[in-house]
């Protein structure tokens, strides 16, 4: 039986680390419970599986945190995507899981997105992937990012990355990714006071 990734939902707001996420999958998922048990033990998470009419609801539970300090939380959605990416899902589902679980997992400073920046006084840019929505029947699948970038003061040189540079780098990356995943990106940029 073909593997089907039907849905994933995690996160309430862009400025919160999603504590948990749930996906609906079906097909020949041999040893799903044993694989989940090993995964949650390795990553110090909690997880559960519920079977309903040939489909499995898989939930990963991490730890919520404010989006300004995403490293103090554990993103249940990115870990769920990492867990599910080991299975042979195809097309947009595979791309969505790979991006959420391999690119965005623990990328709190935007390094994988190539937007990382540290200001001497303000510190590092922070990024939180806060809302995840995937539905196999929809072309409007979403990963919402909350990006807080260091404020640029007037005395800094022009070589410092500005908001416009962040936007251009991020949009170039997301445009490429969108073609692969049929995913809509919602980006919330926050500038510190």
Protein backbone atom coordinates (compact mmCIF):
# COMPACT_ATOMS: atom_id res chain seq x y z
CA UNK A 1 0.00 0.00 0.00
CA UNK A 2 1.33 3.44 -0.99
CA UNK A 3 2.38 5.81 1.78
CA UNK A 4 0.19 8.89 2.05
CA UNK A 5 0.97 12.02 4.06
CA UNK A 6 -2.49 13.54 4.45
CA UNK A 7 -2.04 16.44 6.85
CA UNK A 8 0.15 18.16 9.41
CA UNK A 9 -0.88 20.84 11.85
CA UNK A 10 1.24 22.55 14.48
CA UNK A 11 1.57 25.92 16.14
CA UNK A 12 -0.92 28.58 17.10
CA UNK A 13 0.98 31.81 16.37
CA UNK A 14 4.09 32.85 14.51
CA UNK A 15 5.65 34.29 17.66
CA UNK A 16 5.40 31.03 19.64
CA UNK A 17 7.47 27.86 19.34
CA UNK A 18 4.91 25.12 18.60
CA UNK A 19 4.81 22.81 21.57
CA UNK A 20 3.18 20.01 19.61
CA UNK A 21 2.16 18.97 16.15
CA UNK A 22 0.00 16.20 14.72
CA UNK A 23 0.17 14.53 11.32
CA UNK A 24 -2.17 12.11 9.61
CA UNK A 25 -0.51 9.38 7.55
CA UNK A 26 -1.51 6.05 6.05
CA UNK A 27 -0.03 3.16 4.15
CA UNK A 28 2.50 0.47 4.94
CA UNK A 29 4.25 2.07 7.89
CA UNK A 30 6.03 -0.96 9.29
CA UNK A 31 7.16 -0.61 12.89
CA UNK A 32 5.70 2.90 13.17
CA UNK A 33 5.26 2.68 16.95
CA UNK A 34 8.74 1.25 17.52
CA UNK A 35 10.29 3.92 15.30
CA UNK A 36 8.40 6.67 17.14
CA UNK A 37 9.43 5.26 20.52
CA UNK A 38 13.11 5.24 19.48
CA UNK A 39 12.86 8.75 17.99
CA UNK A 40 11.26 10.37 21.04
CA UNK A 41 13.74 8.64 23.35
CA UNK A 42 16.70 9.85 21.26
CA UNK A 43 15.46 13.45 21.13
CA UNK A 44 13.97 13.57 24.67
CA UNK A 45 10.44 14.27 23.41
CA UNK A 46 7.02 12.77 23.97
CA UNK A 47 4.95 11.22 21.21
CA UNK A 48 1.89 9.14 20.56
CA UNK A 49 0.09 7.34 17.76
CA UNK A 50 -3.65 6.83 17.40
CA UNK A 51 -5.07 4.59 14.68
CA UNK A 52 -8.43 5.50 13.15
CA UNK A 53 -9.92 3.75 10.10
CA UNK A 54 -6.60 2.85 8.48
CA UNK A 55 -4.99 6.20 9.20
CA UNK A 56 -2.48 7.04 11.89
CA UNK A 57 -2.46 10.28 13.85
CA UNK A 58 1.12 10.86 14.94
CA UNK A 59 1.79 13.55 17.55
CA UNK A 60 5.12 14.88 18.80
CA UNK A 61 5.21 17.03 21.93
CA UNK A 62 8.13 19.38 22.54
CA UNK A 63 8.23 22.53 24.65
CA UNK A 64 6.60 25.89 23.98
CA UNK A 65 8.56 29.15 24.17
CA UNK A 66 8.27 32.73 22.98
CA UNK A 67 9.35 33.28 19.38
CA UNK A 68 11.96 35.84 20.47
CA UNK A 69 13.84 33.01 22.22
CA UNK A 70 13.14 29.94 20.10
CA UNK A 71 16.21 28.07 21.37
CA UNK A 72 14.57 27.85 24.81
CA UNK A 73 11.75 25.76 23.32
CA UNK A 74 11.51 22.49 21.42
CA UNK A 75 9.57 22.82 18.16
CA UNK A 76 7.19 19.86 18.04
CA UNK A 77 6.35 20.52 14.38
CA UNK A 78 9.92 20.46 13.07
CA UNK A 79 10.68 17.32 15.07
CA UNK A 80 7.51 15.65 13.75
CA UNK A 81 8.57 16.54 10.22
CA UNK A 82 12.05 15.12 10.89
CA UNK A 83 10.51 11.90 12.21
CA UNK A 84 8.19 11.53 9.19
CA UNK A 85 10.92 12.36 6.66
CA UNK A 86 12.41 8.87 7.16
CA UNK A 87 9.41 7.38 5.35
CA UNK A 88 9.06 7.29 1.57
CA UNK A 89 6.42 9.97 1.01
CA UNK A 90 6.45 11.50 -2.47
CA UNK A 91 6.06 14.88 -4.18
CA UNK A 92 5.11 18.01 -2.25
CA UNK A 93 4.67 16.01 0.98
CA UNK A 94 8.30 14.86 0.91
CA UNK A 95 9.54 18.35 0.11
CA UNK A 96 7.45 19.90 2.88
CA UNK A 97 8.74 17.39 5.45
CA UNK A 98 12.36 17.83 4.32
CA UNK A 99 12.18 21.62 4.59
CA UNK A 100 10.39 21.62 7.95
CA UNK A 101 12.41 18.75 9.45
CA UNK A 102 15.85 19.26 7.98
CA UNK A 103 16.22 22.93 7.05
CA UNK A 104 14.12 24.64 9.73
CA UNK A 105 14.84 22.23 12.62
CA UNK A 106 16.79 24.16 15.27
CA UNK A 107 17.69 26.92 12.77
CA UNK A 108 17.08 29.62 15.37
CA UNK A 109 19.52 32.11 13.83
CA UNK A 110 18.65 31.66 10.15
CA UNK A 111 21.90 29.93 9.19
CA UNK A 112 20.27 27.32 6.94
CA UNK A 113 18.25 30.06 5.24
CA UNK A 114 21.46 32.08 4.73
CA UNK A 115 20.07 35.10 6.62
CA UNK A 116 22.08 34.76 9.84
CA UNK A 117 23.50 38.01 11.14
CA UNK A 118 24.99 39.14 14.44
CA UNK A 119 25.12 42.76 15.52
CA UNK A 120 27.83 43.70 17.98
CA UNK A 121 25.37 45.39 20.34
CA UNK A 122 21.99 43.87 19.51
CA UNK A 123 23.10 40.25 19.18
CA UNK A 124 21.97 37.66 16.68
CA UNK A 125 18.97 37.51 14.41
CA UNK A 126 16.41 35.02 15.72
CA UNK A 127 14.01 32.96 13.66
CA UNK A 128 11.05 30.89 14.77
CA UNK A 129 9.04 28.59 12.53
CA UNK A 130 5.75 29.07 14.36
CA UNK A 131 2.80 27.78 12.33
CA UNK A 132 2.64 24.67 10.15
CA UNK A 133 -0.32 23.64 8.00
CA UNK A 134 -0.23 20.91 5.35
CA UNK A 135 -3.20 19.30 3.63
CA UNK A 136 -2.59 16.98 0.68
CA UNK A 137 -5.67 18.34 -1.11
CA UNK A 138 -4.66 21.99 -0.76
CA UNK A 139 -2.28 24.18 -2.72
CA UNK A 140 -2.22 26.56 0.27
CA UNK A 141 0.18 24.75 2.57
CA UNK A 142 1.93 27.01 5.05
CA UNK A 143 5.01 27.41 7.17
CA UNK A 144 4.95 30.77 8.96
CA UNK A 145 8.27 32.25 10.08
CA UNK A 146 8.82 34.92 12.72
CA UNK A 147 12.16 36.66 12.14
CA UNK A 148 13.60 39.19 14.58
CA UNK A 149 16.57 41.01 13.15
CA UNK A 150 19.11 43.25 14.85
CA UNK A 151 18.39 46.93 14.55
CA UNK A 152 20.82 48.77 12.32
CA UNK A 153 21.95 52.08 13.72
CA UNK A 154 23.11 55.01 11.58
CA UNK A 155 26.77 54.63 12.53
CA UNK A 156 27.03 51.11 11.07
CA UNK A 157 28.69 50.72 7.70
CA UNK A 158 26.71 50.06 4.55
CA UNK A 159 28.16 46.56 4.45
CA UNK A 160 25.89 45.55 7.34
CA UNK A 161 22.84 43.55 6.29
CA UNK A 162 19.70 45.66 6.30
CA UNK A 163 16.07 44.66 6.41
CA UNK A 164 15.90 44.87 2.63
CA UNK A 165 18.83 42.48 2.30
CA UNK A 166 17.15 40.01 4.69
CA UNK A 167 13.94 40.21 2.71
CA UNK A 168 15.66 39.67 -0.63
CA UNK A 169 17.71 36.70 0.61
CA UNK A 170 14.73 35.13 2.28
CA UNK A 171 12.39 35.68 -0.66
CA UNK A 172 14.91 34.20 -3.10
CA UNK A 173 15.18 31.08 -0.94
CA UNK A 174 11.43 30.83 -0.37
CA UNK A 175 10.60 31.32 -4.06
CA UNK A 176 12.84 28.38 -4.92
CA UNK A 177 11.33 26.26 -2.15
CA UNK A 178 7.76 27.23 -3.03
CA UNK A 179 8.15 25.81 -6.52
CA UNK A 180 9.14 22.48 -4.96
CA UNK A 181 6.54 22.22 -2.21
CA UNK A 182 3.44 24.14 -3.31
CA UNK A 183 3.80 25.87 0.04
CA UNK A 184 2.75 29.37 1.01
CA UNK A 185 5.14 31.21 3.29
CA UNK A 186 4.02 33.77 5.80
CA UNK A 187 6.85 35.88 7.13
CA UNK A 188 6.64 38.21 10.11
CA UNK A 189 9.70 40.42 10.52
CA UNK A 190 10.18 42.02 13.94
CA UNK A 191 12.71 44.77 14.51
CA UNK A 192 13.89 45.18 18.11
CA UNK A 193 13.33 48.49 19.85
